[in-house]
Amino acid sequence: MSLKENIKNNPKLKKLVHWMLIPTGEARPRLWVKWFVNPFIHKRGKGSKVRRYTRMDVLPFNRFELGEGSTIEDFCTINNGVGDVFIGSNSLVGMGNVIIGPVTIGNNVIFAQNIVASGLNHEYRDVNQPIHAQKILVAPIVVEDDCWIAANSVITSGVTIGKHSVIAAGAVVTKDIPPYSVAVGNPAKVIKKFDFELNDWVRV
């Protein structure tokens, strides 16, 4: 059994290791983790940039990867506490984004400003417990290559956005979006698709 499995299977040891990595009641890793552990575990591609005022809540027990030539702008929060975060090559995560894993973002993707993409949800159905005491639900988000996600959009857990799709500003994406689509609204609905026979975008 691996060290990771031993820790997972021992509740007391798991609690101790968690406390060593993260202060109680917080999501941000301790400075020693940020400075001396994460740089040797998480992968950063050539020419990638994480701006100074980005909050990197990334921990060593889940993966974080940033591809070549990609940028995470200021005032973002990136969190891999409950799932891996992968960002492909030549992608932009604009100012003020919140990305909570599990999230996979492809190559040549544009995330504009103030977008929330969270693969995490809270259970709420037991009214005898406060919501924070109930279990966490996790379902991965996938944003395929060449997509543009416009400002103030929300992408909910379990959603896949197909290749070369556009999500309009302020949209709330609660269901999968097919490749080569334009989606708008709350909840987001597809209003255009690319027709390869006509070589044009067609309203649906």
N, C-alpha and C. Protein backbone atom coordinates (compact mmCIF):
# COMPACT_ATOMS: atom_id res chain seq x y z
N MET A 1 0.85 -1.20 0.00
CA MET A 1 0.00 0.00 0.00
C MET A 1 0.88 1.24 0.00
N SER A 2 0.55 2.22 -0.84
CA SER A 2 1.36 3.44 -0.95
C SER A 2 1.16 4.34 0.27
N LEU A 3 2.07 5.29 0.42
CA LEU A 3 1.98 6.25 1.52
C LEU A 3 0.67 7.02 1.47
N LYS A 4 0.29 7.43 0.26
CA LYS A 4 -0.96 8.18 0.09
C LYS A 4 -2.16 7.35 0.53
N GLU A 5 -2.18 6.08 0.17
CA GLU A 5 -3.29 5.21 0.56
C GLU A 5 -3.30 4.97 2.07
N ASN A 6 -2.12 4.82 2.66
CA ASN A 6 -2.02 4.66 4.12
C ASN A 6 -2.60 5.86 4.85
N ILE A 7 -2.30 7.06 4.34
CA ILE A 7 -2.82 8.28 4.97
C ILE A 7 -4.33 8.35 4.82
N LYS A 8 -4.83 8.05 3.62
CA LYS A 8 -6.27 8.10 3.36
C LYS A 8 -7.04 7.12 4.24
N ASN A 9 -6.46 5.95 4.49
CA ASN A 9 -7.15 4.90 5.24
C ASN A 9 -7.01 5.01 6.75
N ASN A 10 -6.25 5.99 7.23
CA ASN A 10 -6.06 6.19 8.66
C ASN A 10 -6.61 7.57 9.04
N PRO A 11 -7.83 7.65 9.59
CA PRO A 11 -8.47 8.95 9.85
C PRO A 11 -7.64 9.90 10.72
N LYS A 12 -6.98 9.35 11.75
CA LYS A 12 -6.18 10.22 12.64
C LYS A 12 -4.96 10.77 11.92
N LEU A 13 -4.29 9.90 11.16
CA LEU A 13 -3.13 10.34 10.40
C LEU A 13 -3.54 11.33 9.32
N LYS A 14 -4.67 11.06 8.66
CA LYS A 14 -5.18 11.96 7.63
C LYS A 14 -5.46 13.34 8.20
N LYS A 15 -6.07 13.39 9.37
CA LYS A 15 -6.37 14.67 10.02
C LYS A 15 -5.09 15.43 10.37
N LEU A 16 -4.09 14.71 10.86
CA LEU A 16 -2.81 15.34 11.21
C LEU A 16 -2.12 15.90 9.97
N VAL A 17 -2.07 15.11 8.91
CA VAL A 17 -1.41 15.57 7.68
C VAL A 17 -2.15 16.77 7.11
N HIS A 18 -3.48 16.72 7.13
CA HIS A 18 -4.28 17.84 6.64
C HIS A 18 -3.97 19.10 7.43
N TRP A 19 -3.87 18.99 8.74
CA TRP A 19 -3.55 20.15 9.60
C TRP A 19 -2.16 20.69 9.29
N MET A 20 -1.22 19.79 9.00
CA MET A 20 0.14 20.23 8.67
C MET A 20 0.18 21.00 7.35
N LEU A 21 -0.74 20.65 6.42
CA LEU A 21 -0.75 21.29 5.11
C LEU A 21 -1.57 22.57 5.08
N ILE A 22 -2.69 22.57 5.83
CA ILE A 22 -3.66 23.67 5.76
C ILE A 22 -4.07 24.07 7.17
N PRO A 23 -4.03 25.37 7.52
CA PRO A 23 -4.54 25.79 8.84
C PRO A 23 -6.01 25.43 9.00
N THR A 24 -6.40 25.11 10.22
CA THR A 24 -7.77 24.70 10.51
C THR A 24 -8.78 25.74 10.03
N GLY A 25 -9.80 25.27 9.31
CA GLY A 25 -10.87 26.15 8.84
C GLY A 25 -10.53 26.98 7.62
N GLU A 26 -9.38 26.71 6.98
CA GLU A 26 -8.98 27.48 5.81
C GLU A 26 -8.83 26.58 4.59
N ALA A 27 -8.72 27.21 3.43
CA ALA A 27 -8.48 26.48 2.19
C ALA A 27 -7.07 26.73 1.66
N ARG A 28 -6.42 27.76 2.17
CA ARG A 28 -5.10 28.16 1.67
C ARG A 28 -4.00 27.33 2.31
N PRO A 29 -3.05 26.80 1.52
CA PRO A 29 -1.98 26.00 2.11
C PRO A 29 -1.04 26.84 2.96
N ARG A 30 -0.38 26.18 3.89
CA ARG A 30 0.63 26.85 4.70
C ARG A 30 1.78 27.31 3.81
N LEU A 31 2.50 28.34 4.27
CA LEU A 31 3.57 28.91 3.45
C LEU A 31 4.64 27.89 3.10
N TRP A 32 4.96 27.00 4.04
CA TRP A 32 6.02 26.02 3.74
C TRP A 32 5.61 25.10 2.60
N VAL A 33 4.31 24.82 2.50
CA VAL A 33 3.82 24.00 1.38
C VAL A 33 3.95 24.78 0.07
N LYS A 34 3.55 26.03 0.12
CA LYS A 34 3.58 26.88 -1.07
C LYS A 34 5.01 27.07 -1.58
N TRP A 35 5.96 27.26 -0.65
CA TRP A 35 7.33 27.57 -1.05
C TRP A 35 8.17 26.34 -1.35
N PHE A 36 8.01 25.26 -0.55
CA PHE A 36 8.97 24.16 -0.59
C PHE A 36 8.41 22.84 -1.10
N VAL A 37 7.09 22.75 -1.30
CA VAL A 37 6.51 21.49 -1.77
C VAL A 37 5.90 21.65 -3.16
N ASN A 38 4.97 22.60 -3.29
CA ASN A 38 4.23 22.74 -4.56
C ASN A 38 5.12 22.93 -5.79
N PRO A 39 6.18 23.75 -5.72
CA PRO A 39 7.00 23.94 -6.93
C PRO A 39 7.61 22.65 -7.47
N PHE A 40 7.76 21.63 -6.62
CA PHE A 40 8.38 20.39 -7.04
C PHE A 40 7.35 19.32 -7.43
N ILE A 41 6.08 19.60 -7.19
CA ILE A 41 5.03 18.62 -7.47
C ILE A 41 4.16 19.04 -8.66
N HIS A 42 3.78 20.31 -8.68
CA HIS A 42 2.87 20.79 -9.71
C HIS A 42 3.65 21.23 -10.94
N LYS A 43 3.06 21.00 -12.13
CA LYS A 43 3.76 21.24 -13.38
C LYS A 43 3.38 22.59 -13.98
N ARG A 44 4.40 23.34 -14.36
CA ARG A 44 4.19 24.62 -15.03
C ARG A 44 4.95 24.59 -16.35
N GLY A 45 4.25 24.82 -17.47
CA GLY A 45 4.87 24.77 -18.78
C GLY A 45 5.73 25.99 -19.06
N LYS A 46 6.59 25.85 -20.05
CA LYS A 46 7.49 26.94 -20.45
C LYS A 46 6.68 28.16 -20.86
N GLY A 47 7.09 29.32 -20.33
CA GLY A 47 6.43 30.58 -20.68
C GLY A 47 5.10 30.81 -19.99
N SER A 48 4.69 29.91 -19.11
CA SER A 48 3.42 30.12 -18.38
C SER A 48 3.63 31.15 -17.28
N LYS A 49 2.53 31.82 -16.92
CA LYS A 49 2.61 32.89 -15.91
C LYS A 49 1.44 32.80 -14.94
N VAL A 50 1.75 32.95 -13.66
CA VAL A 50 0.74 33.14 -12.62
C VAL A 50 1.02 34.51 -12.02
N ARG A 51 0.10 35.45 -12.21
CA ARG A 51 0.34 36.82 -11.77
C ARG A 51 0.44 36.92 -10.25
N ARG A 52 1.04 38.00 -9.80
CA ARG A 52 1.40 38.18 -8.40
C ARG A 52 0.21 38.11 -7.45
N TYR A 53 -0.93 38.66 -7.84
CA TYR A 53 -2.07 38.76 -6.93
C TYR A 53 -3.09 37.63 -7.12
N THR A 54 -2.61 36.53 -7.67
CA THR A 54 -3.47 35.34 -7.78
C THR A 54 -3.39 34.55 -6.48
N ARG A 55 -4.52 34.05 -6.04
CA ARG A 55 -4.54 33.20 -4.84
C ARG A 55 -4.49 31.74 -5.29
N MET A 56 -3.37 31.08 -5.02
CA MET A 56 -3.16 29.70 -5.43
C MET A 56 -3.40 28.77 -4.24
N ASP A 57 -4.63 28.33 -4.09
CA ASP A 57 -4.97 27.37 -3.04
C ASP A 57 -4.78 25.96 -3.59
N VAL A 58 -3.53 25.65 -3.96
CA VAL A 58 -3.24 24.34 -4.51
C VAL A 58 -2.41 23.54 -3.51
N LEU A 59 -2.76 22.27 -3.41
CA LEU A 59 -2.17 21.39 -2.40
C LEU A 59 -1.51 20.19 -3.07
N PRO A 60 -0.57 19.56 -2.38
CA PRO A 60 0.19 18.49 -3.03
C PRO A 60 -0.56 17.18 -3.21
N PHE A 61 -1.69 16.99 -2.51
CA PHE A 61 -2.38 15.70 -2.64
C PHE A 61 -3.30 15.62 -3.85
N ASN A 62 -3.51 16.73 -4.56
CA ASN A 62 -4.19 16.71 -5.86
C ASN A 62 -3.32 17.43 -6.87
N ARG A 63 -3.59 17.21 -8.15
CA ARG A 63 -2.71 17.74 -9.18
C ARG A 63 -3.12 19.13 -9.65
N PHE A 64 -2.10 19.90 -10.03
CA PHE A 64 -2.30 21.19 -10.70
C PHE A 64 -1.29 21.26 -11.83
N GLU A 65 -1.78 21.57 -13.05
CA GLU A 65 -0.89 21.74 -14.19
C GLU A 65 -1.30 22.96 -14.99
N LEU A 66 -0.30 23.73 -15.41
CA LEU A 66 -0.51 24.92 -16.24
C LEU A 66 0.36 24.76 -17.48
N GLY A 67 -0.27 24.76 -18.65
CA GLY A 67 0.44 24.46 -19.88
C GLY A 67 1.33 25.60 -20.38
N GLU A 68 2.09 25.28 -21.40
CA GLU A 68 3.02 26.25 -22.00
C GLU A 68 2.29 27.49 -22.50
N GLY A 69 2.85 28.65 -22.18
CA GLY A 69 2.32 29.90 -22.70
C GLY A 69 1.00 30.34 -22.11
N SER A 70 0.51 29.66 -21.10
CA SER A 70 -0.77 30.03 -20.49
C SER A 70 -0.56 31.03 -19.35
N THR A 71 -1.60 31.82 -19.08
CA THR A 71 -1.52 32.86 -18.05
C THR A 71 -2.74 32.82 -17.14
N ILE A 72 -2.49 32.95 -15.85
CA ILE A 72 -3.55 33.16 -14.86
C ILE A 72 -3.37 34.58 -14.35
N GLU A 73 -4.36 35.42 -14.62
CA GLU A 73 -4.25 36.85 -14.29
C GLU A 73 -4.50 37.12 -12.80
N ASP A 74 -4.27 38.38 -12.42
CA ASP A 74 -4.43 38.81 -11.03
C ASP A 74 -5.86 38.59 -10.52
N PHE A 75 -5.94 38.43 -9.20
CA PHE A 75 -7.21 38.36 -8.44
C PHE A 75 -8.02 37.10 -8.71
N CYS A 76 -7.38 36.09 -9.31
CA CYS A 76 -8.03 34.78 -9.46
C CYS A 76 -7.81 33.94 -8.20
N THR A 77 -8.66 32.94 -8.04
CA THR A 77 -8.46 31.90 -7.03
C THR A 77 -8.49 30.56 -7.75
N ILE A 78 -7.44 29.78 -7.54
CA ILE A 78 -7.34 28.44 -8.11
C ILE A 78 -7.27 27.47 -6.94
N ASN A 79 -8.19 26.50 -6.90
CA ASN A 79 -8.28 25.60 -5.76
C ASN A 79 -8.39 24.16 -6.24
N ASN A 80 -7.44 23.32 -5.81
CA ASN A 80 -7.47 21.90 -6.17
C ASN A 80 -7.73 21.02 -4.95
N GLY A 81 -8.32 21.59 -3.91
CA GLY A 81 -8.50 20.87 -2.65
C GLY A 81 -9.34 19.62 -2.76
N VAL A 82 -10.35 19.63 -3.65
CA VAL A 82 -11.20 18.43 -3.79
C VAL A 82 -11.09 17.80 -5.18
N GLY A 83 -10.23 18.34 -6.04
CA GLY A 83 -10.08 17.76 -7.37
C GLY A 83 -9.00 18.45 -8.17
N ASP A 84 -8.41 17.71 -9.09
CA ASP A 84 -7.32 18.23 -9.92
C ASP A 84 -7.76 19.42 -10.76
N VAL A 85 -6.81 20.32 -11.03
CA VAL A 85 -7.03 21.44 -11.94
C VAL A 85 -5.97 21.36 -13.04
N PHE A 86 -6.43 21.21 -14.28
CA PHE A 86 -5.53 21.17 -15.44
C PHE A 86 -5.90 22.31 -16.38
N ILE A 87 -4.91 23.10 -16.76
CA ILE A 87 -5.10 24.18 -17.73
C ILE A 87 -4.11 23.93 -18.85
N GLY A 88 -4.61 23.85 -20.08
CA GLY A 88 -3.78 23.50 -21.22
C GLY A 88 -2.84 24.61 -21.66
N SER A 89 -2.33 24.50 -22.86
CA SER A 89 -1.36 25.44 -23.40
C SER A 89 -2.05 26.62 -24.09
N ASN A 90 -1.39 27.78 -24.00
CA ASN A 90 -1.84 29.01 -24.67
C ASN A 90 -3.26 29.40 -24.28
N SER A 91 -3.61 29.14 -23.03
CA SER A 91 -4.92 29.51 -22.52
C SER A 91 -4.79 30.69 -21.57
N LEU A 92 -5.86 31.47 -21.46
CA LEU A 92 -5.89 32.65 -20.60
C LEU A 92 -7.00 32.52 -19.58
N VAL A 93 -6.64 32.66 -18.31
CA VAL A 93 -7.62 32.76 -17.23
C VAL A 93 -7.61 34.22 -16.79
N GLY A 94 -8.66 34.96 -17.17
CA GLY A 94 -8.69 36.41 -16.96
C GLY A 94 -8.87 36.81 -15.51
N MET A 95 -8.85 38.11 -15.27
CA MET A 95 -8.88 38.63 -13.90
C MET A 95 -10.15 38.23 -13.15
N GLY A 96 -9.96 37.86 -11.89
CA GLY A 96 -11.09 37.64 -10.99
C GLY A 96 -11.81 36.32 -11.17
N ASN A 97 -11.21 35.36 -11.85
CA ASN A 97 -11.84 34.04 -12.01
C ASN A 97 -11.68 33.20 -10.76
N VAL A 98 -12.64 32.32 -10.51
CA VAL A 98 -12.55 31.33 -9.45
C VAL A 98 -12.68 29.95 -10.10
N ILE A 99 -11.66 29.13 -9.94
CA ILE A 99 -11.66 27.78 -10.51
C ILE A 99 -11.42 26.80 -9.38
N ILE A 100 -12.42 25.96 -9.13
CA ILE A 100 -12.35 24.97 -8.06
C ILE A 100 -12.47 23.59 -8.69
N GLY A 101 -11.44 22.78 -8.55
CA GLY A 101 -11.41 21.46 -9.18
C GLY A 101 -12.46 20.52 -8.64
N PRO A 102 -12.69 19.43 -9.37
CA PRO A 102 -11.97 19.01 -10.58
C PRO A 102 -12.40 19.78 -11.83
N VAL A 103 -11.43 20.43 -12.46
CA VAL A 103 -11.66 21.21 -13.67
C VAL A 103 -10.53 20.95 -14.66
N THR A 104 -10.89 20.68 -15.91
CA THR A 104 -9.91 20.55 -16.98
C THR A 104 -10.25 21.59 -18.06
N ILE A 105 -9.30 22.45 -18.34
CA ILE A 105 -9.44 23.48 -19.36
C ILE A 105 -8.44 23.15 -20.47
N GLY A 106 -8.92 23.14 -21.71
CA GLY A 106 -8.09 22.71 -22.83
C GLY A 106 -7.09 23.76 -23.29
N ASN A 107 -6.62 23.58 -24.52
CA ASN A 107 -5.65 24.50 -25.13
C ASN A 107 -6.38 25.64 -25.83
N ASN A 108 -5.73 26.80 -25.87
CA ASN A 108 -6.25 27.97 -26.62
C ASN A 108 -7.64 28.39 -26.14
N VAL A 109 -7.86 28.30 -24.84
CA VAL A 109 -9.13 28.69 -24.25
C VAL A 109 -9.01 30.09 -23.66
N ILE A 110 -10.07 30.88 -23.82
CA ILE A 110 -10.13 32.21 -23.20
C ILE A 110 -11.21 32.19 -22.12
N PHE A 111 -10.81 32.42 -20.88
CA PHE A 111 -11.74 32.73 -19.79
C PHE A 111 -11.64 34.23 -19.58
N ALA A 112 -12.73 34.96 -19.78
CA ALA A 112 -12.71 36.42 -19.60
C ALA A 112 -12.65 36.74 -18.10
N GLN A 113 -13.40 37.72 -17.62
CA GLN A 113 -13.29 38.17 -16.24
C GLN A 113 -14.45 37.65 -15.38
N ASN A 114 -14.13 37.43 -14.09
CA ASN A 114 -15.14 37.14 -13.05
C ASN A 114 -15.99 35.92 -13.36
N ILE A 115 -15.35 34.87 -13.83
CA ILE A 115 -16.02 33.60 -14.12
C ILE A 115 -15.84 32.66 -12.94
N VAL A 116 -16.88 31.90 -12.63
CA VAL A 116 -16.78 30.85 -11.62
C VAL A 116 -16.98 29.50 -12.31
N ALA A 117 -16.00 28.62 -12.16
CA ALA A 117 -16.10 27.24 -12.64
C ALA A 117 -15.78 26.34 -11.46
N SER A 118 -16.80 25.70 -10.91
CA SER A 118 -16.61 24.91 -9.69
C SER A 118 -17.10 23.48 -9.89
N GLY A 119 -16.19 22.54 -9.74
CA GLY A 119 -16.54 21.13 -9.77
C GLY A 119 -17.06 20.63 -8.44
N LEU A 120 -17.25 21.53 -7.50
CA LEU A 120 -17.68 21.19 -6.13
C LEU A 120 -19.09 21.70 -5.89
N ASN A 121 -19.86 20.89 -5.19
CA ASN A 121 -21.17 21.30 -4.69
C ASN A 121 -21.32 20.84 -3.26
N HIS A 122 -22.22 21.48 -2.51
CA HIS A 122 -22.52 21.06 -1.15
C HIS A 122 -23.86 20.34 -1.11
N GLU A 123 -23.90 19.22 -0.41
CA GLU A 123 -25.17 18.57 -0.14
C GLU A 123 -25.99 19.45 0.79
N TYR A 124 -27.32 19.45 0.63
CA TYR A 124 -28.17 20.34 1.42
C TYR A 124 -29.46 19.68 1.88
N ARG A 125 -29.71 18.44 1.43
CA ARG A 125 -31.06 17.88 1.59
C ARG A 125 -31.42 17.45 3.01
N ASP A 126 -30.43 17.24 3.87
CA ASP A 126 -30.71 16.88 5.26
C ASP A 126 -30.94 18.16 6.06
N VAL A 127 -32.22 18.48 6.34
CA VAL A 127 -32.54 19.74 7.01
C VAL A 127 -32.21 19.71 8.50
N ASN A 128 -31.78 18.57 9.01
CA ASN A 128 -31.39 18.46 10.42
C ASN A 128 -29.92 18.80 10.64
N GLN A 129 -29.21 19.05 9.55
CA GLN A 129 -27.79 19.43 9.65
C GLN A 129 -27.55 20.73 8.91
N PRO A 130 -26.65 21.58 9.43
CA PRO A 130 -26.27 22.76 8.63
C PRO A 130 -25.57 22.30 7.35
N ILE A 131 -25.71 23.09 6.31
CA ILE A 131 -25.17 22.69 5.01
C ILE A 131 -23.67 22.46 5.08
N HIS A 132 -22.94 23.26 5.85
CA HIS A 132 -21.48 23.09 5.89
C HIS A 132 -21.07 21.76 6.52
N ALA A 133 -21.96 21.13 7.28
CA ALA A 133 -21.65 19.85 7.91
C ALA A 133 -22.00 18.66 7.03
N GLN A 134 -22.66 18.90 5.93
CA GLN A 134 -23.05 17.81 5.03
C GLN A 134 -21.93 17.53 4.02
N LYS A 135 -22.06 16.41 3.34
CA LYS A 135 -20.96 15.97 2.48
C LYS A 135 -20.79 16.88 1.26
N ILE A 136 -19.59 16.83 0.73
CA ILE A 136 -19.26 17.58 -0.48
C ILE A 136 -19.49 16.67 -1.69
N LEU A 137 -20.12 17.21 -2.71
CA LEU A 137 -20.36 16.49 -3.95
C LEU A 137 -19.39 17.01 -5.01
N VAL A 138 -18.81 16.11 -5.77
CA VAL A 138 -17.80 16.50 -6.75
C VAL A 138 -18.15 15.88 -8.11
N ALA A 139 -18.11 16.70 -9.16
CA ALA A 139 -18.29 16.21 -10.53
C ALA A 139 -17.44 17.08 -11.44
N PRO A 140 -16.62 16.48 -12.30
CA PRO A 140 -15.64 17.25 -13.07
C PRO A 140 -16.26 18.15 -14.14
N ILE A 141 -15.64 19.29 -14.31
CA ILE A 141 -15.93 20.22 -15.40
C ILE A 141 -14.85 20.04 -16.47
N VAL A 142 -15.27 20.01 -17.73
CA VAL A 142 -14.32 19.95 -18.85
C VAL A 142 -14.67 21.06 -19.83
N VAL A 143 -13.69 21.91 -20.12
CA VAL A 143 -13.82 22.92 -21.17
C VAL A 143 -12.83 22.54 -22.25
N GLU A 144 -13.34 22.12 -23.41
CA GLU A 144 -12.46 21.61 -24.46
C GLU A 144 -11.72 22.73 -25.18
N ASP A 145 -10.84 22.37 -26.10
CA ASP A 145 -9.96 23.32 -26.78
C ASP A 145 -10.75 24.43 -27.49
N ASP A 146 -10.10 25.60 -27.56
CA ASP A 146 -10.53 26.72 -28.43
C ASP A 146 -11.82 27.40 -27.99
N CYS A 147 -12.24 27.21 -26.75
CA CYS A 147 -13.48 27.85 -26.29
C CYS A 147 -13.23 29.27 -25.80
N TRP A 148 -14.30 30.06 -25.84
CA TRP A 148 -14.30 31.41 -25.25
C TRP A 148 -15.45 31.46 -24.25
N ILE A 149 -15.09 31.71 -22.99
CA ILE A 149 -16.07 31.85 -21.93
C ILE A 149 -16.10 33.33 -21.55
N ALA A 150 -17.20 34.00 -21.82
CA ALA A 150 -17.27 35.45 -21.65
C ALA A 150 -17.50 35.82 -20.17
N ALA A 151 -17.38 37.11 -19.88
CA ALA A 151 -17.34 37.62 -18.51
C ALA A 151 -18.59 37.26 -17.71
N ASN A 152 -18.36 37.04 -16.41
CA ASN A 152 -19.43 36.83 -15.42
C ASN A 152 -20.23 35.55 -15.64
N SER A 153 -19.68 34.59 -16.37
CA SER A 153 -20.34 33.31 -16.56
C SER A 153 -20.12 32.41 -15.34
N VAL A 154 -21.02 31.43 -15.19
CA VAL A 154 -20.88 30.41 -14.16
C VAL A 154 -20.97 29.05 -14.84
N ILE A 155 -20.01 28.17 -14.53
CA ILE A 155 -20.03 26.80 -15.05
C ILE A 155 -20.18 25.88 -13.86
N THR A 156 -21.27 25.11 -13.83
CA THR A 156 -21.55 24.27 -12.67
C THR A 156 -20.92 22.89 -12.82
N SER A 157 -20.86 22.18 -11.72
CA SER A 157 -20.16 20.89 -11.69
C SER A 157 -20.79 19.89 -12.65
N GLY A 158 -19.93 19.05 -13.21
CA GLY A 158 -20.38 17.98 -14.09
C GLY A 158 -20.62 18.37 -15.53
N VAL A 159 -20.30 19.61 -15.90
CA VAL A 159 -20.59 20.12 -17.24
C VAL A 159 -19.38 19.96 -18.16
N THR A 160 -19.65 19.59 -19.42
CA THR A 160 -18.63 19.61 -20.46
C THR A 160 -19.04 20.64 -21.52
N ILE A 161 -18.11 21.52 -21.87
CA ILE A 161 -18.32 22.50 -22.93
C ILE A 161 -17.46 22.07 -24.11
N GLY A 162 -18.12 21.78 -25.22
CA GLY A 162 -17.44 21.20 -26.38
C GLY A 162 -16.51 22.17 -27.09
N LYS A 163 -15.66 21.61 -27.91
CA LYS A 163 -14.62 22.36 -28.63
C LYS A 163 -15.18 23.55 -29.41
N HIS A 164 -14.43 24.66 -29.35
CA HIS A 164 -14.69 25.88 -30.13
C HIS A 164 -16.11 26.42 -29.87
N SER A 165 -16.55 26.31 -28.63
CA SER A 165 -17.85 26.89 -28.27
C SER A 165 -17.66 28.23 -27.59
N VAL A 166 -18.72 29.03 -27.63
CA VAL A 166 -18.73 30.36 -27.01
C VAL A 166 -19.86 30.38 -25.98
N ILE A 167 -19.51 30.80 -24.76
CA ILE A 167 -20.49 30.99 -23.70
C ILE A 167 -20.63 32.49 -23.48
N ALA A 168 -21.84 33.01 -23.68
CA ALA A 168 -22.06 34.46 -23.63
C ALA A 168 -21.91 35.00 -22.21
N ALA A 169 -21.67 36.29 -22.12
CA ALA A 169 -21.50 36.96 -20.82
C ALA A 169 -22.71 36.72 -19.93
N GLY A 170 -22.44 36.39 -18.68
CA GLY A 170 -23.50 36.22 -17.70
C GLY A 170 -24.25 34.91 -17.77
N ALA A 171 -23.86 34.01 -18.66
CA ALA A 171 -24.56 32.73 -18.79
C ALA A 171 -24.27 31.84 -17.59
N VAL A 172 -25.25 30.98 -17.27
CA VAL A 172 -25.08 29.97 -16.21
C VAL A 172 -25.21 28.61 -16.89
N VAL A 173 -24.10 27.91 -16.99
CA VAL A 173 -24.06 26.65 -17.74
C VAL A 173 -24.32 25.50 -16.78
N THR A 174 -25.47 24.86 -16.93
CA THR A 174 -25.87 23.78 -16.04
C THR A 174 -25.92 22.43 -16.75
N LYS A 175 -25.80 22.44 -18.09
CA LYS A 175 -25.82 21.20 -18.87
C LYS A 175 -24.73 21.26 -19.93
N ASP A 176 -24.38 20.09 -20.46
CA ASP A 176 -23.34 20.02 -21.48
C ASP A 176 -23.68 20.88 -22.69
N ILE A 177 -22.66 21.50 -23.26
CA ILE A 177 -22.79 22.30 -24.48
C ILE A 177 -22.04 21.57 -25.59
N PRO A 178 -22.71 21.27 -26.73
CA PRO A 178 -22.03 20.54 -27.80
C PRO A 178 -20.90 21.36 -28.41
N PRO A 179 -19.95 20.70 -29.09
CA PRO A 179 -18.90 21.43 -29.79
C PRO A 179 -19.48 22.40 -30.83
N TYR A 180 -18.75 23.47 -31.08
CA TYR A 180 -19.08 24.45 -32.12
C TYR A 180 -20.49 25.02 -31.90
N SER A 181 -20.72 25.49 -30.66
CA SER A 181 -22.02 26.07 -30.30
C SER A 181 -21.83 27.42 -29.64
N VAL A 182 -22.88 28.23 -29.70
CA VAL A 182 -22.95 29.48 -28.93
C VAL A 182 -24.11 29.33 -27.97
N ALA A 183 -23.85 29.55 -26.68
CA ALA A 183 -24.88 29.38 -25.66
C ALA A 183 -25.02 30.67 -24.86
N VAL A 184 -26.28 31.02 -24.53
CA VAL A 184 -26.56 32.25 -23.79
C VAL A 184 -27.60 31.95 -22.71
N GLY A 185 -27.66 32.84 -21.68
CA GLY A 185 -28.78 32.84 -20.75
C GLY A 185 -28.56 32.04 -19.48
N ASN A 186 -29.63 32.04 -18.65
CA ASN A 186 -29.66 31.34 -17.37
C ASN A 186 -30.98 30.58 -17.25
N PRO A 187 -30.94 29.25 -17.36
CA PRO A 187 -29.78 28.41 -17.69
C PRO A 187 -29.39 28.56 -19.15
N ALA A 188 -28.12 28.32 -19.44
CA ALA A 188 -27.60 28.54 -20.79
C ALA A 188 -28.26 27.61 -21.80
N LYS A 189 -28.64 28.19 -22.95
CA LYS A 189 -29.22 27.42 -24.05
C LYS A 189 -28.46 27.73 -25.33
N VAL A 190 -28.32 26.71 -26.16
CA VAL A 190 -27.61 26.89 -27.44
C VAL A 190 -28.50 27.66 -28.40
N ILE A 191 -27.95 28.74 -28.97
CA ILE A 191 -28.71 29.53 -29.95
C ILE A 191 -28.10 29.45 -31.35
N LYS A 192 -26.85 29.03 -31.45
CA LYS A 192 -26.20 28.87 -32.76
C LYS A 192 -25.31 27.63 -32.75
N LYS A 193 -25.18 27.02 -33.92
CA LYS A 193 -24.21 25.95 -34.12
C LYS A 193 -23.51 26.18 -35.45
N PHE A 194 -22.28 25.71 -35.54
CA PHE A 194 -21.57 25.84 -36.80
C PHE A 194 -21.95 24.69 -37.72
N ASP A 195 -22.37 25.04 -38.92
CA ASP A 195 -22.75 24.05 -39.94
C ASP A 195 -21.58 23.90 -40.90
N PHE A 196 -20.95 22.74 -40.88
CA PHE A 196 -19.76 22.54 -41.70
C PHE A 196 -20.10 22.43 -43.18
N GLU A 197 -21.32 22.04 -43.51
CA GLU A 197 -21.70 21.99 -44.93
C GLU A 197 -21.90 23.39 -45.50
N LEU A 198 -22.53 24.27 -44.70
CA LEU A 198 -22.73 25.65 -45.14
C LEU A 198 -21.52 26.53 -44.85
N ASN A 199 -20.61 26.01 -44.00
CA ASN A 199 -19.45 26.79 -43.58
C ASN A 199 -19.85 28.11 -42.94
N ASP A 200 -20.86 28.01 -42.02
CA ASP A 200 -21.38 29.23 -41.39
C ASP A 200 -22.03 28.85 -40.07
N TRP A 201 -22.19 29.86 -39.21
CA TRP A 201 -22.91 29.69 -37.94
C TRP A 201 -24.40 29.84 -38.21
N VAL A 202 -25.18 28.89 -37.73
CA VAL A 202 -26.60 28.83 -38.04
C VAL A 202 -27.41 28.86 -36.75
N ARG A 203 -28.46 29.68 -36.72
CA ARG A 203 -29.34 29.73 -35.54
C ARG A 203 -30.14 28.43 -35.41
N VAL A 204 -30.35 28.02 -34.16
CA VAL A 204 -31.13 26.79 -33.93
C VAL A 204 -32.43 27.10 -33.18
